[in-house]
C-alpha atoms as a PDB file:
ATOM      1  CA  ASP A   1      67.372 110.334  97.175  1.00  0.00           C
ATOM      2  CA  ARG A   2      70.015 108.405  95.224  1.00  0.00           C
ATOM      3  CA  SER A   3      69.094 109.814  91.797  1.00  0.00           C
ATOM      4  CA  ARG A   4      72.264 111.951  91.522  1.00  0.00           C
ATOM      5  CA  LEU A   5      74.502 109.021  92.493  1.00  0.00           C
ATOM      6  CA  ASN A   6      72.718 106.647  90.135  1.00  0.00           C
ATOM      7  CA  ASN A   7      72.969 109.175  87.284  1.00  0.00           C
ATOM      8  CA  LEU A   8      76.691 109.714  87.938  1.00  0.00           C
ATOM      9  CA  LEU A   9      77.289 105.965  88.104  1.00  0.00           C
ATOM     10  CA  GLN A  10      75.478 105.382  84.819  1.00  0.00           C
ATOM     11  CA  LYS A  11      77.349 108.193  83.027  1.00  0.00           C
ATOM     12  CA  SER A  12      80.736 107.065  84.362  1.00  0.00           C
ATOM     13  CA  GLY A  13      80.604 103.580  82.873  1.00  0.00           C
ATOM     14  CA  CYS A  14      82.226 102.297  86.081  1.00  0.00           C
ATOM     15  CA  ASP A  15      81.083  99.425  88.268  1.00  0.00           C
ATOM     16  CA  ASP A  16      80.817 101.586  91.374  1.00  0.00           C
ATOM     17  CA  ILE A  17      81.720 105.020  92.728  1.00  0.00           C
ATOM     18  CA  ILE A  18      83.844 105.514  95.847  1.00  0.00           C
ATOM     19  CA  ILE A  19      82.777 108.590  97.783  1.00  0.00           C
ATOM     20  CA  VAL A  20      85.522 110.772  99.282  1.00  0.00           C
ATOM     21  CA  LYS A  21      84.619 113.611 101.656  1.00  0.00           C
ATOM     22  CA  ASN A  22      87.226 115.967 103.124  1.00  0.00           C
ATOM     23  CA  GLY A  23      89.995 113.603 102.028  1.00  0.00           C
ATOM     24  CA  PHE A  24      88.455 110.520 103.689  1.00  0.00           C
ATOM     25  CA  ILE A  25      86.833 107.559 101.977  1.00  0.00           C
ATOM     26  CA  THR A  26      83.304 107.502 103.379  1.00  0.00           C
ATOM     27  CA  ASP A  27      81.270 105.051 101.317  1.00  0.00           C
ATOM     28  CA  ALA A  28      80.542 103.653  97.884  1.00  0.00           C
ATOM     29  CA  CYS A  29      77.486 104.051  95.712  1.00  0.00           C
ATOM     30  CA  SER A  30      76.290 100.443  95.774  1.00  0.00           C
ATOM     31  CA  SER A  31      78.518  98.465  98.122  1.00  0.00           C
ATOM     32  CA  ASN A  32      80.199  98.497 101.505  1.00  0.00           C
ATOM     33  CA  LEU A  33      83.949  99.039 101.545  1.00  0.00           C
ATOM     34  CA  VAL A  34      86.331  96.848 103.537  1.00  0.00           C
ATOM     35  CA  PHE A  35      90.096  97.287 103.188  1.00  0.00           C
ATOM     36  CA  SER A  36      92.607  94.634 104.212  1.00  0.00           C
ATOM     37  CA  SER A  37      96.152  95.052 105.497  1.00  0.00           C
ATOM     38  CA  TYR A  38      98.535  93.090 107.682  1.00  0.00           C
ATOM     39  CA  GLU A  39      97.114  95.012 110.647  1.00  0.00           C
ATOM     40  CA  GLY A  40      93.540  93.847 110.013  1.00  0.00           C
ATOM     41  CA  LEU A  41      90.390  94.855 108.200  1.00  0.00           C
ATOM     42  CA  PHE A  42      89.323  98.469 107.989  1.00  0.00           C
ATOM     43  CA  THR A  43      86.073 100.062 106.926  1.00  0.00           C
ATOM     44  CA  PRO A  44      85.055 103.727 106.744  1.00  0.00           C
ATOM     45  CA  ALA A  45      83.820 105.079 110.063  1.00  0.00           C
ATOM     46  CA  ALA A  46      81.382 107.492 108.411  1.00  0.00           C
ATOM     47  CA  ASP A  47      77.651 107.221 108.864  1.00  0.00           C
ATOM     48  CA  HIS A  48      76.509 104.592 106.388  1.00  0.00           C
ATOM     49  CA  LEU A  49      74.537 101.380 106.317  1.00  0.00           C
ATOM     50  CA  LEU A  50      76.476  98.716 108.138  1.00  0.00           C
ATOM     51  CA  GLY A  51      75.730  95.886 105.698  1.00  0.00           C
ATOM     52  CA  THR A  52      75.487  92.242 106.723  1.00  0.00           C
ATOM     53  CA  LYS A  53      78.499  91.070 104.681  1.00  0.00           C
ATOM     54  CA  ARG A  54      80.619  93.904 106.082  1.00  0.00           C
ATOM     55  CA  GLN A  55      79.661  92.953 109.632  1.00  0.00           C
ATOM     56  CA  TYR A  56      80.413  89.280 108.914  1.00  0.00           C
ATOM     57  CA  LEU A  57      83.856  90.048 107.482  1.00  0.00           C
ATOM     58  CA  LEU A  58      84.774  92.277 110.410  1.00  0.00           C
ATOM     59  CA  SER A  59      83.676  89.721 113.010  1.00  0.00           C
ATOM     60  CA  HIS A  60      85.062  86.564 111.306  1.00  0.00           C
ATOM     61  CA  THR A  61      88.488  87.668 110.140  1.00  0.00           C
ATOM     62  CA  MET A  62      91.715  85.975 111.096  1.00  0.00           C
ATOM     63  CA  PHE A  63      93.102  89.412 112.021  1.00  0.00           C
ATOM     64  CA  ASN A  64      90.751  89.878 115.023  1.00  0.00           C
END
């Protein structure tokens, strides 16, 4: 049930909401998160939908 997330997103006026649990970024409300650094691409290891674009980016990056 995403009603609480959708309500929070609508009230915030933001484009998306990044979810932090116990000090770790776990997911976003409406998109997958992929962070880039000189060491490679990183994505939260929490239980979330893998997402086709996320999988593509992780498997087709120049850092791999």
